[in-house]
Amino acid sequence: HSAAALSTRATVREPYPEPVTSDESPWAMLRPSLLATGFGALWCTDWEYPVLVRVDERDHTPQIWASWAAAGGPQGLAAGLDAVWVLPGEGGQLLEIDPGGGGVTSHQVPFPVAGIAVGPDAVFGIGKLGDGRVLRLTPGGAATSASAGQVRTLGLIAASAEYVWVVDDETATVLALEAGSLVPVQSFR
């Protein structure tokens, strides 16, 4: 399939029972704003529409996989821990989406989150600029958080088995936090 075909035609899950074209519905005119891969698919979200689109890696067929109540464009998208994770709108919840069936579980988070990353044991999030906290959410939904020290302008996050990596935008400093405790262990510029 060409890129043009992917952007103008989609198979739509319930409640939209039939395929739609760009002439029939704005749902077919999705403009991806975030991408992630996993579970044999490319996953994308759209800034304007509150939907998760799955593009099968074998036949490149796009399908609207899940949707949620509109709350502004998504802030984060990641795949791992047997789910696709979406951080919608204002960042007050984290959506856990079943990559096999499209079921959506919402997890309320203790503070607004601006970005997410998935490690092998948890999903991590950073507080909005000025907050300085890092969130750790386990697959069972237990949330813990910690301050990243004096840092208040966290702008990027990534996770590995041992560390959660964050960037302080104000000082251009990369910080390594221990993944289990979120305790800062190293920083560099």
C-alpha atoms as a PDB file:
ATOM      1  CA  HIS A   1       0.000   0.000   0.000  1.00  0.00           C
ATOM      2  CA  SER A   2       1.235   3.488  -0.726  1.00  0.00           C
ATOM      3  CA  ALA A   3       1.389   6.257   1.873  1.00  0.00           C
ATOM      4  CA  ALA A   4      -1.469   7.995   0.054  1.00  0.00           C
ATOM      5  CA  ALA A   5      -3.654   4.896   0.421  1.00  0.00           C
ATOM      6  CA  LEU A   6      -2.940   4.738   4.152  1.00  0.00           C
ATOM      7  CA  SER A   7      -3.992   8.351   4.681  1.00  0.00           C
ATOM      8  CA  THR A   8      -7.228   8.211   2.710  1.00  0.00           C
ATOM      9  CA  ARG A   9      -8.857   4.883   3.552  1.00  0.00           C
ATOM     10  CA  ALA A  10      -9.308   3.090   6.865  1.00  0.00           C
ATOM     11  CA  THR A  11     -11.274   0.163   8.172  1.00  0.00           C
ATOM     12  CA  VAL A  12     -13.212   1.377  11.180  1.00  0.00           C
ATOM     13  CA  ARG A  13     -14.143  -0.649  14.285  1.00  0.00           C
ATOM     14  CA  GLU A  14     -17.481  -0.309  16.060  1.00  0.00           C
ATOM     15  CA  PRO A  15     -19.567   1.833  16.136  1.00  0.00           C
ATOM     16  CA  TYR A  16     -18.579   2.510  12.514  1.00  0.00           C
ATOM     17  CA  PRO A  17     -19.484  -0.796  10.799  1.00  0.00           C
ATOM     18  CA  GLU A  18     -18.256  -0.056   7.264  1.00  0.00           C
ATOM     19  CA  PRO A  19     -15.011   1.165   5.695  1.00  0.00           C
ATOM     20  CA  VAL A  20     -15.019   4.893   5.079  1.00  0.00           C
ATOM     21  CA  THR A  21     -13.259   7.033   2.495  1.00  0.00           C
ATOM     22  CA  SER A  22     -11.997  10.586   2.638  1.00  0.00           C
ATOM     23  CA  ASP A  23     -15.235  11.710   0.914  1.00  0.00           C
ATOM     24  CA  GLU A  24     -17.443  10.133   3.607  1.00  0.00           C
ATOM     25  CA  SER A  25     -15.909  11.013   6.943  1.00  0.00           C
ATOM     26  CA  PRO A  26     -13.116  12.942   8.672  1.00  0.00           C
ATOM     27  CA  TRP A  27     -12.154   9.635  10.347  1.00  0.00           C
ATOM     28  CA  ALA A  28     -10.504   8.581   7.122  1.00  0.00           C
ATOM     29  CA  MET A  29      -8.389  11.755   6.989  1.00  0.00           C
ATOM     30  CA  LEU A  30      -6.305  10.990  10.049  1.00  0.00           C
ATOM     31  CA  ARG A  31      -3.040  12.878  10.409  1.00  0.00           C
ATOM     32  CA  PRO A  32      -0.701  10.946  12.712  1.00  0.00           C
ATOM     33  CA  SER A  33       0.848  13.027  15.474  1.00  0.00           C
ATOM     34  CA  LEU A  34       2.555  10.249  17.495  1.00  0.00           C
ATOM     35  CA  LEU A  35       3.914   6.856  16.431  1.00  0.00           C
ATOM     36  CA  ALA A  36       4.912   3.664  18.250  1.00  0.00           C
ATOM     37  CA  THR A  37       5.535   0.084  17.137  1.00  0.00           C
ATOM     38  CA  GLY A  38       4.807  -3.231  18.813  1.00  0.00           C
ATOM     39  CA  PHE A  39       2.610  -6.316  18.665  1.00  0.00           C
ATOM     40  CA  GLY A  40       3.033  -6.635  14.882  1.00  0.00           C
ATOM     41  CA  ALA A  41       1.722  -3.166  14.144  1.00  0.00           C
ATOM     42  CA  LEU A  42       2.413   0.512  13.812  1.00  0.00           C
ATOM     43  CA  TRP A  43       0.258   2.502  16.247  1.00  0.00           C
ATOM     44  CA  CYS A  44      -0.589   6.162  15.649  1.00  0.00           C
ATOM     45  CA  THR A  45      -2.662   8.828  17.273  1.00  0.00           C
ATOM     46  CA  ASP A  46      -4.156  11.929  15.727  1.00  0.00           C
ATOM     47  CA  TRP A  47      -3.940  15.353  17.376  1.00  0.00           C
ATOM     48  CA  GLU A  48      -7.485  16.271  16.315  1.00  0.00           C
ATOM     49  CA  TYR A  49      -9.385  13.000  16.792  1.00  0.00           C
ATOM     50  CA  PRO A  50      -9.298  10.936  20.025  1.00  0.00           C
ATOM     51  CA  VAL A  51      -8.471   7.635  18.305  1.00  0.00           C
ATOM     52  CA  LEU A  52      -5.716   5.044  18.179  1.00  0.00           C
ATOM     53  CA  VAL A  53      -5.037   3.682  14.687  1.00  0.00           C
ATOM     54  CA  ARG A  54      -3.419   0.277  14.162  1.00  0.00           C
ATOM     55  CA  VAL A  55      -1.549  -0.380  10.899  1.00  0.00           C
ATOM     56  CA  ASP A  56      -0.856  -4.089  10.422  1.00  0.00           C
ATOM     57  CA  GLU A  57       2.831  -4.683   9.575  1.00  0.00           C
ATOM     58  CA  ARG A  58       2.014  -7.570   7.178  1.00  0.00           C
ATOM     59  CA  ASP A  59      -0.549  -5.990   4.872  1.00  0.00           C
ATOM     60  CA  HIS A  60      -0.334  -2.300   5.943  1.00  0.00           C
ATOM     61  CA  THR A  61      -4.075  -2.117   6.591  1.00  0.00           C
ATOM     62  CA  PRO A  62      -4.994   0.819   8.852  1.00  0.00           C
ATOM     63  CA  GLN A  63      -7.820   0.377  11.345  1.00  0.00           C
ATOM     64  CA  ILE A  64      -9.221   2.634  14.038  1.00  0.00           C
ATOM     65  CA  TRP A  65      -8.520   0.419  17.048  1.00  0.00           C
ATOM     66  CA  ALA A  66      -9.734   2.381  20.053  1.00  0.00           C
ATOM     67  CA  SER A  67     -11.191   5.743  20.996  1.00  0.00           C
ATOM     68  CA  TRP A  68     -11.704   7.774  24.157  1.00  0.00           C
ATOM     69  CA  ALA A  69     -13.471  10.911  25.311  1.00  0.00           C
ATOM     70  CA  ALA A  70     -11.977  13.977  23.655  1.00  0.00           C
ATOM     71  CA  ALA A  71      -9.671  15.914  25.946  1.00  0.00           C
ATOM     72  CA  GLY A  72      -7.300  17.618  23.539  1.00  0.00           C
ATOM     73  CA  GLY A  73      -4.608  15.998  21.465  1.00  0.00           C
ATOM     74  CA  PRO A  74      -2.590  13.104  22.876  1.00  0.00           C
ATOM     75  CA  GLN A  75       0.641  13.916  24.721  1.00  0.00           C
ATOM     76  CA  GLY A  76       2.238  10.470  24.613  1.00  0.00           C
ATOM     77  CA  LEU A  77       2.119   7.048  22.956  1.00  0.00           C
ATOM     78  CA  ALA A  78       4.153   3.937  23.807  1.00  0.00           C
ATOM     79  CA  ALA A  79       3.895   0.169  23.348  1.00  0.00           C
ATOM     80  CA  GLY A  80       4.990  -2.455  25.864  1.00  0.00           C
ATOM     81  CA  LEU A  81       3.929  -4.464  28.917  1.00  0.00           C
ATOM     82  CA  ASP A  82       1.241  -6.210  26.861  1.00  0.00           C
ATOM     83  CA  ALA A  83      -0.500  -2.913  26.031  1.00  0.00           C
ATOM     84  CA  VAL A  84      -0.443   0.241  23.951  1.00  0.00           C
ATOM     85  CA  TRP A  85      -0.347   3.255  26.265  1.00  0.00           C
ATOM     86  CA  VAL A  86      -1.882   6.612  25.344  1.00  0.00           C
ATOM     87  CA  LEU A  87      -1.585   9.801  27.342  1.00  0.00           C
ATOM     88  CA  PRO A  88      -4.589  11.879  26.239  1.00  0.00           C
ATOM     89  CA  GLY A  89      -5.160  15.604  26.451  1.00  0.00           C
ATOM     90  CA  GLU A  90      -4.525  17.194  29.799  1.00  0.00           C
ATOM     91  CA  GLY A  91      -2.487  14.262  31.137  1.00  0.00           C
ATOM     92  CA  GLY A  92      -4.724  13.403  34.100  1.00  0.00           C
ATOM     93  CA  GLN A  93      -5.139   9.788  33.027  1.00  0.00           C
ATOM     94  CA  LEU A  94      -3.166   7.101  31.237  1.00  0.00           C
ATOM     95  CA  LEU A  95      -5.002   4.771  28.863  1.00  0.00           C
ATOM     96  CA  GLU A  96      -4.005   1.104  28.661  1.00  0.00           C
ATOM     97  CA  ILE A  97      -5.240  -0.311  25.349  1.00  0.00           C
ATOM     98  CA  ASP A  98      -5.368  -4.027  24.582  1.00  0.00           C
ATOM     99  CA  PRO A  99      -3.402  -4.586  21.351  1.00  0.00           C
ATOM    100  CA  GLY A 100      -5.408  -7.756  20.654  1.00  0.00           C
ATOM    101  CA  GLY A 101      -8.946  -6.489  21.070  1.00  0.00           C
ATOM    102  CA  GLY A 102      -8.939  -2.720  21.520  1.00  0.00           C
ATOM    103  CA  GLY A 103     -10.343  -2.660  25.070  1.00  0.00           C
ATOM    104  CA  VAL A 104      -9.459   0.519  26.968  1.00  0.00           C
ATOM    105  CA  THR A 105      -8.622   0.715  30.685  1.00  0.00           C
ATOM    106  CA  SER A 106      -8.186   4.196  32.160  1.00  0.00           C
ATOM    107  CA  HIS A 107      -5.725   4.797  34.998  1.00  0.00           C
ATOM    108  CA  GLN A 108      -6.028   8.056  36.899  1.00  0.00           C
ATOM    109  CA  VAL A 109      -2.598   9.505  37.655  1.00  0.00           C
ATOM    110  CA  PRO A 110      -1.749  11.548  40.777  1.00  0.00           C
ATOM    111  CA  PHE A 111      -0.588  14.611  38.811  1.00  0.00           C
ATOM    112  CA  PRO A 112      -0.822  15.818  35.183  1.00  0.00           C
ATOM    113  CA  VAL A 113       1.697  13.969  33.011  1.00  0.00           C
ATOM    114  CA  ALA A 114       3.294  15.419  29.866  1.00  0.00           C
ATOM    115  CA  GLY A 115       5.179  12.451  28.347  1.00  0.00           C
ATOM    116  CA  ILE A 116       5.474   8.669  28.784  1.00  0.00           C
ATOM    117  CA  ALA A 117       7.894   5.784  28.250  1.00  0.00           C
ATOM    118  CA  VAL A 118       7.537   2.047  28.854  1.00  0.00           C
ATOM    119  CA  GLY A 119      10.179  -0.020  30.634  1.00  0.00           C
ATOM    120  CA  PRO A 120      10.139  -3.782  31.170  1.00  0.00           C
ATOM    121  CA  ASP A 121       8.313  -3.510  34.532  1.00  0.00           C
ATOM    122  CA  ALA A 122       6.407  -0.208  34.491  1.00  0.00           C
ATOM    123  CA  VAL A 123       5.165   2.783  32.525  1.00  0.00           C
ATOM    124  CA  PHE A 124       6.857   6.065  33.414  1.00  0.00           C
ATOM    125  CA  GLY A 125       5.690   9.631  32.958  1.00  0.00           C
ATOM    126  CA  ILE A 126       7.045  13.122  33.505  1.00  0.00           C
ATOM    127  CA  GLY A 127       5.096  15.943  35.089  1.00  0.00           C
ATOM    128  CA  LYS A 128       4.258  19.022  33.069  1.00  0.00           C
ATOM    129  CA  LEU A 129       6.915  21.716  32.817  1.00  0.00           C
ATOM    130  CA  GLY A 130       7.488  23.267  36.215  1.00  0.00           C
ATOM    131  CA  ASP A 131       6.432  20.136  38.102  1.00  0.00           C
ATOM    132  CA  GLY A 132       9.664  18.102  38.261  1.00  0.00           C
ATOM    133  CA  ARG A 133       8.048  14.782  39.238  1.00  0.00           C
ATOM    134  CA  VAL A 134       8.364  11.392  37.603  1.00  0.00           C
ATOM    135  CA  LEU A 135       5.521   8.837  37.702  1.00  0.00           C
ATOM    136  CA  ARG A 136       5.928   5.034  37.874  1.00  0.00           C
ATOM    137  CA  LEU A 137       2.779   3.019  37.053  1.00  0.00           C
ATOM    138  CA  THR A 138       2.903  -0.776  37.334  1.00  0.00           C
ATOM    139  CA  PRO A 139       0.741  -3.011  35.118  1.00  0.00           C
ATOM    140  CA  GLY A 140      -1.648  -3.565  38.039  1.00  0.00           C
ATOM    141  CA  GLY A 141      -2.279   0.186  38.200  1.00  0.00           C
ATOM    142  CA  ALA A 142      -0.248   1.045  41.337  1.00  0.00           C
ATOM    143  CA  ALA A 143       1.237   4.526  40.929  1.00  0.00           C
ATOM    144  CA  THR A 144       4.235   5.981  42.735  1.00  0.00           C
ATOM    145  CA  SER A 145       6.096   9.193  42.048  1.00  0.00           C
ATOM    146  CA  ALA A 146       9.242  11.006  43.028  1.00  0.00           C
ATOM    147  CA  SER A 147      10.852  14.351  42.456  1.00  0.00           C
ATOM    148  CA  ALA A 148      13.802  14.437  40.078  1.00  0.00           C
ATOM    149  CA  GLY A 149      15.693  16.629  42.547  1.00  0.00           C
ATOM    150  CA  GLN A 150      15.914  20.368  41.896  1.00  0.00           C
ATOM    151  CA  VAL A 151      14.830  19.861  38.287  1.00  0.00           C
ATOM    152  CA  ARG A 152      11.519  21.466  37.283  1.00  0.00           C
ATOM    153  CA  THR A 153      11.634  21.511  33.476  1.00  0.00           C
ATOM    154  CA  LEU A 154      11.530  17.861  32.441  1.00  0.00           C
ATOM    155  CA  GLY A 155      10.894  17.685  28.719  1.00  0.00           C
ATOM    156  CA  LEU A 156      11.878  14.187  27.557  1.00  0.00           C
ATOM    157  CA  ILE A 157      11.684  10.667  29.008  1.00  0.00           C
ATOM    158  CA  ALA A 158      12.929   7.190  28.036  1.00  0.00           C
ATOM    159  CA  ALA A 159      13.119   3.956  30.018  1.00  0.00           C
ATOM    160  CA  SER A 160      15.327   0.871  30.114  1.00  0.00           C
ATOM    161  CA  ALA A 161      15.526  -2.094  32.466  1.00  0.00           C
ATOM    162  CA  GLU A 162      17.739  -0.230  34.943  1.00  0.00           C
ATOM    163  CA  TYR A 163      17.083   3.464  34.414  1.00  0.00           C
ATOM    164  CA  VAL A 164      14.523   6.095  33.594  1.00  0.00           C
ATOM    165  CA  TRP A 165      16.220   8.810  31.575  1.00  0.00           C
ATOM    166  CA  VAL A 166      14.876  12.375  31.689  1.00  0.00           C
ATOM    167  CA  VAL A 167      16.095  15.672  30.284  1.00  0.00           C
ATOM    168  CA  ASP A 168      16.028  18.966  32.155  1.00  0.00           C
ATOM    169  CA  ASP A 169      15.214  21.425  29.360  1.00  0.00           C
ATOM    170  CA  GLU A 170      16.418  24.456  31.320  1.00  0.00           C
ATOM    171  CA  THR A 171      19.978  23.183  31.819  1.00  0.00           C
ATOM    172  CA  ALA A 172      20.170  20.659  28.935  1.00  0.00           C
ATOM    173  CA  THR A 173      21.098  18.012  31.516  1.00  0.00           C
ATOM    174  CA  VAL A 174      20.331  14.309  31.101  1.00  0.00           C
ATOM    175  CA  LEU A 175      19.489  12.554  34.363  1.00  0.00           C
ATOM    176  CA  ALA A 176      19.482   8.815  35.049  1.00  0.00           C
ATOM    177  CA  LEU A 177      16.979   7.711  37.699  1.00  0.00           C
ATOM    178  CA  GLU A 178      16.985   4.185  39.144  1.00  0.00           C
ATOM    179  CA  ALA A 179      13.911   2.530  37.540  1.00  0.00           C
ATOM    180  CA  GLY A 180      12.554   0.948  40.723  1.00  0.00           C
ATOM    181  CA  SER A 181      12.968   3.816  43.184  1.00  0.00           C
ATOM    182  CA  LEU A 182      13.199   6.821  40.822  1.00  0.00           C
ATOM    183  CA  VAL A 183      16.217   8.025  42.821  1.00  0.00           C
ATOM    184  CA  PRO A 184      18.629  10.151  40.706  1.00  0.00           C
ATOM    185  CA  VAL A 185      21.923   8.248  40.233  1.00  0.00           C
ATOM    186  CA  GLN A 186      23.770  10.253  37.571  1.00  0.00           C
ATOM    187  CA  SER A 187      23.547  13.377  35.470  1.00  0.00           C
ATOM    188  CA  PHE A 188      25.536  14.691  32.539  1.00  0.00           C
ATOM    189  CA  ARG A 189      25.514  17.445  29.913  1.00  0.00           C
END
